[in-house]
Amino acid sequence: MTWLIAFFLKALVIFFIARAVPGVRVSSYGAAVGVAAVYALLSMLLKWLLVILSLPLILVTFGLFLFVLNGFLLWLTDKLIDSFEIKNFPALAVTTVLMTLGNVIVESFVGRVFG
């Protein structure tokens, strides 16, 4: 049950980021739920492989290269979903940082309140 609450809160984070960051568009909250689902699926299927392949870069950059991996997964999500659009690289970079921070906050909140 906690993972479901976290999932919908992460979709809400995506929805608010799309409203706040110029160059990012999501058509509705339902589309944000779809974006959260596709992003979670891509993370589950690909992120472990990308982390293993880029482990030296992750270690050299003290983990900052994980933002690049998250940005790549977000860009891939943009290409897979028509109702979600990121227009340029600065919007992608800002959205990646905000999504990462939002996900950390959601996980912390859900773990503290519902865990």
N, C-alpha and C. Protein backbone atom coordinates (compact mmCIF):
# COMPACT_ATOMS: atom_id res chain seq x y z
N MET A 1 0.82 -1.20 0.00
CA MET A 1 0.00 0.00 0.00
C MET A 1 0.86 1.27 0.00
N THR A 2 1.99 1.22 0.71
CA THR A 2 2.86 2.40 0.77
C THR A 2 3.45 2.73 -0.59
N TRP A 3 3.78 1.71 -1.37
CA TRP A 3 4.37 1.95 -2.69
C TRP A 3 3.36 2.64 -3.60
N LEU A 4 2.06 2.34 -3.41
CA LEU A 4 1.02 2.97 -4.22
C LEU A 4 0.90 4.46 -3.89
N ILE A 5 0.96 4.78 -2.61
CA ILE A 5 0.92 6.18 -2.19
C ILE A 5 2.14 6.92 -2.74
N ALA A 6 3.31 6.29 -2.62
CA ALA A 6 4.54 6.91 -3.14
C ALA A 6 4.45 7.11 -4.65
N PHE A 7 3.88 6.14 -5.36
CA PHE A 7 3.75 6.23 -6.81
C PHE A 7 2.90 7.44 -7.21
N PHE A 8 1.74 7.59 -6.58
CA PHE A 8 0.86 8.71 -6.94
C PHE A 8 1.43 10.06 -6.50
N LEU A 9 2.19 10.07 -5.40
CA LEU A 9 2.86 11.31 -5.01
C LEU A 9 3.96 11.68 -6.00
N LYS A 10 4.68 10.68 -6.51
CA LYS A 10 5.71 10.94 -7.52
C LYS A 10 5.08 11.45 -8.82
N ALA A 11 3.90 10.93 -9.15
CA ALA A 11 3.19 11.46 -10.32
C ALA A 11 2.79 12.92 -10.09
N LEU A 12 2.41 13.24 -8.86
CA LEU A 12 2.07 14.62 -8.52
C LEU A 12 3.31 15.52 -8.64
N VAL A 13 4.45 15.01 -8.23
CA VAL A 13 5.71 15.75 -8.38
C VAL A 13 5.97 16.04 -9.86
N ILE A 14 5.79 15.04 -10.71
CA ILE A 14 5.99 15.23 -12.16
C ILE A 14 5.01 16.27 -12.70
N PHE A 15 3.77 16.21 -12.25
CA PHE A 15 2.75 17.16 -12.71
C PHE A 15 3.13 18.59 -12.33
N PHE A 16 3.57 18.80 -11.08
CA PHE A 16 3.94 20.15 -10.65
C PHE A 16 5.24 20.63 -11.30
N ILE A 17 6.17 19.74 -11.54
CA ILE A 17 7.40 20.13 -12.23
C ILE A 17 7.08 20.59 -13.65
N ALA A 18 6.17 19.88 -14.31
CA ALA A 18 5.78 20.27 -15.68
C ALA A 18 5.11 21.63 -15.70
N ARG A 19 4.40 21.97 -14.63
CA ARG A 19 3.77 23.28 -14.56
C ARG A 19 4.78 24.38 -14.24
N ALA A 20 5.84 24.05 -13.52
CA ALA A 20 6.79 25.06 -13.05
C ALA A 20 7.96 25.30 -14.00
N VAL A 21 8.37 24.28 -14.73
CA VAL A 21 9.57 24.40 -15.56
C VAL A 21 9.16 24.73 -17.01
N PRO A 22 9.63 25.86 -17.53
CA PRO A 22 9.35 26.16 -18.94
C PRO A 22 10.04 25.14 -19.84
N GLY A 23 9.33 24.69 -20.85
CA GLY A 23 9.89 23.71 -21.77
C GLY A 23 9.50 22.29 -21.45
N VAL A 24 8.74 22.10 -20.38
CA VAL A 24 8.25 20.77 -20.02
C VAL A 24 6.73 20.83 -20.05
N ARG A 25 6.12 19.86 -20.75
CA ARG A 25 4.67 19.84 -20.88
C ARG A 25 4.15 18.44 -20.59
N VAL A 26 3.13 18.39 -19.76
CA VAL A 26 2.38 17.16 -19.53
C VAL A 26 0.91 17.56 -19.63
N SER A 27 0.13 16.78 -20.36
CA SER A 27 -1.22 17.22 -20.69
C SER A 27 -2.18 17.18 -19.50
N SER A 28 -2.02 16.25 -18.57
CA SER A 28 -2.95 16.14 -17.43
C SER A 28 -2.28 15.34 -16.32
N TYR A 29 -3.00 15.25 -15.19
CA TYR A 29 -2.48 14.43 -14.10
C TYR A 29 -2.46 12.96 -14.50
N GLY A 30 -3.43 12.53 -15.29
CA GLY A 30 -3.45 11.15 -15.78
C GLY A 30 -2.22 10.85 -16.63
N ALA A 31 -1.82 11.83 -17.44
CA ALA A 31 -0.60 11.66 -18.23
C ALA A 31 0.62 11.61 -17.32
N ALA A 32 0.60 12.39 -16.23
CA ALA A 32 1.71 12.36 -15.27
C ALA A 32 1.80 11.00 -14.59
N VAL A 33 0.67 10.37 -14.35
CA VAL A 33 0.66 9.01 -13.79
C VAL A 33 1.30 8.05 -14.81
N GLY A 34 0.97 8.22 -16.08
CA GLY A 34 1.57 7.41 -17.13
C GLY A 34 3.07 7.63 -17.23
N VAL A 35 3.50 8.88 -17.10
CA VAL A 35 4.93 9.19 -17.12
C VAL A 35 5.63 8.52 -15.94
N ALA A 36 5.01 8.60 -14.76
CA ALA A 36 5.60 7.97 -13.58
C ALA A 36 5.69 6.46 -13.76
N ALA A 37 4.68 5.85 -14.38
CA ALA A 37 4.69 4.40 -14.60
C ALA A 37 5.79 4.00 -15.59
N VAL A 38 5.89 4.72 -16.70
CA VAL A 38 6.90 4.39 -17.71
C VAL A 38 8.30 4.64 -17.16
N TYR A 39 8.48 5.76 -16.45
CA TYR A 39 9.78 6.07 -15.87
C TYR A 39 10.18 5.01 -14.84
N ALA A 40 9.23 4.57 -14.03
CA ALA A 40 9.51 3.52 -13.04
C ALA A 40 9.86 2.21 -13.73
N LEU A 41 9.14 1.89 -14.79
CA LEU A 41 9.42 0.65 -15.53
C LEU A 41 10.80 0.70 -16.19
N LEU A 42 11.13 1.82 -16.81
CA LEU A 42 12.46 1.97 -17.42
C LEU A 42 13.56 1.90 -16.36
N SER A 43 13.31 2.53 -15.21
CA SER A 43 14.29 2.47 -14.14
C SER A 43 14.50 1.05 -13.66
N MET A 44 13.41 0.32 -13.54
CA MET A 44 13.49 -1.05 -13.06
C MET A 44 14.21 -1.94 -14.07
N LEU A 45 13.96 -1.73 -15.35
CA LEU A 45 14.52 -2.60 -16.38
C LEU A 45 15.94 -2.22 -16.81
N LEU A 46 16.22 -0.92 -16.88
CA LEU A 46 17.48 -0.47 -17.48
C LEU A 46 18.50 0.13 -16.52
N LYS A 47 18.03 0.72 -15.43
CA LYS A 47 18.94 1.50 -14.60
C LYS A 47 20.06 0.64 -14.01
N TRP A 48 19.75 -0.57 -13.59
CA TRP A 48 20.79 -1.43 -13.01
C TRP A 48 21.90 -1.70 -14.02
N LEU A 49 21.50 -1.92 -15.28
CA LEU A 49 22.50 -2.18 -16.32
C LEU A 49 23.33 -0.93 -16.60
N LEU A 50 22.67 0.22 -16.67
CA LEU A 50 23.38 1.47 -16.92
C LEU A 50 24.33 1.80 -15.77
N VAL A 51 23.92 1.50 -14.55
CA VAL A 51 24.79 1.74 -13.39
C VAL A 51 26.02 0.84 -13.45
N ILE A 52 25.82 -0.40 -13.79
CA ILE A 52 26.96 -1.33 -13.89
C ILE A 52 27.92 -0.89 -14.99
N LEU A 53 27.38 -0.51 -16.14
CA LEU A 53 28.24 -0.10 -17.26
C LEU A 53 28.99 1.21 -16.98
N SER A 54 28.38 2.08 -16.20
CA SER A 54 29.01 3.38 -15.95
C SER A 54 29.58 3.50 -14.54
N LEU A 55 29.79 2.40 -13.88
CA LEU A 55 30.28 2.43 -12.50
C LEU A 55 31.58 3.23 -12.34
N PRO A 56 32.55 3.10 -13.23
CA PRO A 56 33.75 3.94 -13.06
C PRO A 56 33.44 5.44 -13.08
N LEU A 57 32.55 5.88 -13.97
CA LEU A 57 32.18 7.30 -14.01
C LEU A 57 31.43 7.72 -12.76
N ILE A 58 30.59 6.84 -12.25
CA ILE A 58 29.85 7.15 -11.03
C ILE A 58 30.82 7.31 -9.87
N LEU A 59 31.81 6.44 -9.79
CA LEU A 59 32.78 6.53 -8.70
C LEU A 59 33.67 7.77 -8.82
N VAL A 60 34.11 8.08 -10.03
CA VAL A 60 34.98 9.24 -10.25
C VAL A 60 34.24 10.55 -9.93
N THR A 61 32.95 10.61 -10.27
CA THR A 61 32.18 11.84 -10.05
C THR A 61 31.46 11.84 -8.70
N PHE A 62 31.78 10.87 -7.84
CA PHE A 62 31.16 10.76 -6.53
C PHE A 62 29.64 10.67 -6.60
N GLY A 63 29.14 9.98 -7.59
CA GLY A 63 27.71 9.73 -7.73
C GLY A 63 26.95 10.72 -8.58
N LEU A 64 27.59 11.80 -8.99
CA LEU A 64 26.88 12.82 -9.78
C LEU A 64 26.49 12.31 -11.17
N PHE A 65 27.19 11.30 -11.66
CA PHE A 65 26.85 10.75 -12.98
C PHE A 65 25.47 10.08 -12.95
N LEU A 66 24.97 9.77 -11.77
CA LEU A 66 23.62 9.21 -11.67
C LEU A 66 22.56 10.19 -12.19
N PHE A 67 22.85 11.50 -12.07
CA PHE A 67 21.94 12.49 -12.65
C PHE A 67 21.88 12.34 -14.17
N VAL A 68 23.00 12.02 -14.78
CA VAL A 68 23.04 11.81 -16.23
C VAL A 68 22.19 10.59 -16.59
N LEU A 69 22.32 9.53 -15.82
CA LEU A 69 21.51 8.32 -16.07
C LEU A 69 20.02 8.61 -15.90
N ASN A 70 19.68 9.35 -14.84
CA ASN A 70 18.27 9.72 -14.64
C ASN A 70 17.77 10.61 -15.77
N GLY A 71 18.61 11.52 -16.24
CA GLY A 71 18.24 12.37 -17.38
C GLY A 71 18.02 11.56 -18.64
N PHE A 72 18.87 10.55 -18.86
CA PHE A 72 18.69 9.69 -20.02
C PHE A 72 17.36 8.93 -19.94
N LEU A 73 17.04 8.40 -18.76
CA LEU A 73 15.77 7.68 -18.60
C LEU A 73 14.58 8.62 -18.77
N LEU A 74 14.72 9.85 -18.31
CA LEU A 74 13.64 10.83 -18.49
C LEU A 74 13.48 11.20 -19.96
N TRP A 75 14.60 11.36 -20.67
CA TRP A 75 14.55 11.64 -22.10
C TRP A 75 13.89 10.48 -22.85
N LEU A 76 14.23 9.26 -22.47
CA LEU A 76 13.63 8.08 -23.08
C LEU A 76 12.13 8.04 -22.81
N THR A 77 11.73 8.40 -21.61
CA THR A 77 10.31 8.47 -21.27
C THR A 77 9.61 9.50 -22.15
N ASP A 78 10.26 10.63 -22.37
CA ASP A 78 9.70 11.66 -23.25
C ASP A 78 9.47 11.12 -24.65
N LYS A 79 10.39 10.32 -25.16
CA LYS A 79 10.26 9.77 -26.51
C LYS A 79 9.17 8.70 -26.59
N LEU A 80 8.86 8.04 -25.48
CA LEU A 80 7.87 6.97 -25.50
C LEU A 80 6.43 7.44 -25.27
N ILE A 81 6.25 8.60 -24.63
CA ILE A 81 4.91 9.07 -24.28
C ILE A 81 4.62 10.36 -25.04
N ASP A 82 3.50 10.36 -25.79
CA ASP A 82 3.15 11.54 -26.59
C ASP A 82 2.65 12.71 -25.76
N SER A 83 2.01 12.45 -24.63
CA SER A 83 1.42 13.52 -23.83
C SER A 83 2.43 14.15 -22.86
N PHE A 84 3.70 13.78 -23.00
CA PHE A 84 4.78 14.32 -22.18
C PHE A 84 5.88 14.82 -23.11
N GLU A 85 6.31 16.07 -22.90
CA GLU A 85 7.29 16.65 -23.82
C GLU A 85 8.30 17.50 -23.05
N ILE A 86 9.56 17.27 -23.36
CA ILE A 86 10.64 18.11 -22.85
C ILE A 86 11.30 18.73 -24.08
N LYS A 87 11.27 20.06 -24.17
CA LYS A 87 11.64 20.72 -25.41
C LYS A 87 13.14 20.92 -25.62
N ASN A 88 13.92 21.08 -24.55
CA ASN A 88 15.34 21.37 -24.73
C ASN A 88 16.17 20.80 -23.58
N PHE A 89 17.48 20.89 -23.74
CA PHE A 89 18.38 20.31 -22.75
C PHE A 89 18.31 20.99 -21.39
N PRO A 90 18.27 22.33 -21.31
CA PRO A 90 18.17 22.95 -19.98
C PRO A 90 16.91 22.51 -19.23
N ALA A 91 15.79 22.38 -19.94
CA ALA A 91 14.56 21.90 -19.29
C ALA A 91 14.73 20.47 -18.80
N LEU A 92 15.43 19.64 -19.59
CA LEU A 92 15.70 18.26 -19.18
C LEU A 92 16.57 18.23 -17.94
N ALA A 93 17.60 19.06 -17.90
CA ALA A 93 18.52 19.09 -16.75
C ALA A 93 17.80 19.54 -15.47
N VAL A 94 17.02 20.61 -15.57
CA VAL A 94 16.30 21.11 -14.41
C VAL A 94 15.26 20.09 -13.94
N THR A 95 14.55 19.49 -14.89
CA THR A 95 13.54 18.49 -14.54
C THR A 95 14.17 17.27 -13.88
N THR A 96 15.33 16.85 -14.36
CA THR A 96 16.02 15.70 -13.77
C THR A 96 16.39 15.98 -12.31
N VAL A 97 16.95 17.14 -12.06
CA VAL A 97 17.34 17.50 -10.68
C VAL A 97 16.11 17.60 -9.80
N LEU A 98 15.06 18.27 -10.27
CA LEU A 98 13.85 18.42 -9.47
C LEU A 98 13.15 17.09 -9.22
N MET A 99 13.14 16.22 -10.23
CA MET A 99 12.52 14.89 -10.03
C MET A 99 13.30 14.07 -9.03
N THR A 100 14.61 14.13 -9.10
CA THR A 100 15.43 13.38 -8.14
C THR A 100 15.19 13.90 -6.72
N LEU A 101 15.20 15.21 -6.55
CA LEU A 101 14.92 15.77 -5.23
C LEU A 101 13.50 15.45 -4.77
N GLY A 102 12.54 15.56 -5.68
CA GLY A 102 11.15 15.24 -5.34
C GLY A 102 10.99 13.78 -4.94
N ASN A 103 11.67 12.88 -5.65
CA ASN A 103 11.58 11.46 -5.30
C ASN A 103 12.19 11.17 -3.94
N VAL A 104 13.29 11.84 -3.61
CA VAL A 104 13.90 11.67 -2.29
C VAL A 104 12.95 12.17 -1.20
N ILE A 105 12.32 13.30 -1.44
CA ILE A 105 11.39 13.86 -0.46
C ILE A 105 10.18 12.94 -0.30
N VAL A 106 9.63 12.45 -1.40
CA VAL A 106 8.47 11.55 -1.32
C VAL A 106 8.83 10.27 -0.57
N GLU A 107 9.97 9.67 -0.90
CA GLU A 107 10.38 8.44 -0.22
C GLU A 107 10.57 8.69 1.27
N SER A 108 11.16 9.82 1.61
CA SER A 108 11.36 10.16 3.02
C SER A 108 10.03 10.36 3.73
N PHE A 109 9.11 11.09 3.10
CA PHE A 109 7.81 11.37 3.68
C PHE A 109 6.99 10.10 3.84
N VAL A 110 6.92 9.30 2.80
CA VAL A 110 6.12 8.07 2.84
C VAL A 110 6.71 7.08 3.85
N GLY A 111 8.02 6.98 3.89
CA GLY A 111 8.66 6.09 4.85
C GLY A 111 8.42 6.52 6.29
N ARG A 112 8.39 7.83 6.53
CA ARG A 112 8.20 8.34 7.87
C ARG A 112 6.75 8.28 8.30
N VAL A 113 5.83 8.64 7.42
CA VAL A 113 4.42 8.72 7.79
C VAL A 113 3.72 7.38 7.68
N PHE A 114 3.97 6.65 6.58
CA PHE A 114 3.23 5.43 6.33
C PHE A 114 4.03 4.17 6.62
N GLY A 115 5.30 4.31 6.90
CA GLY A 115 6.16 3.13 7.07
C GLY A 115 6.20 2.62 8.43
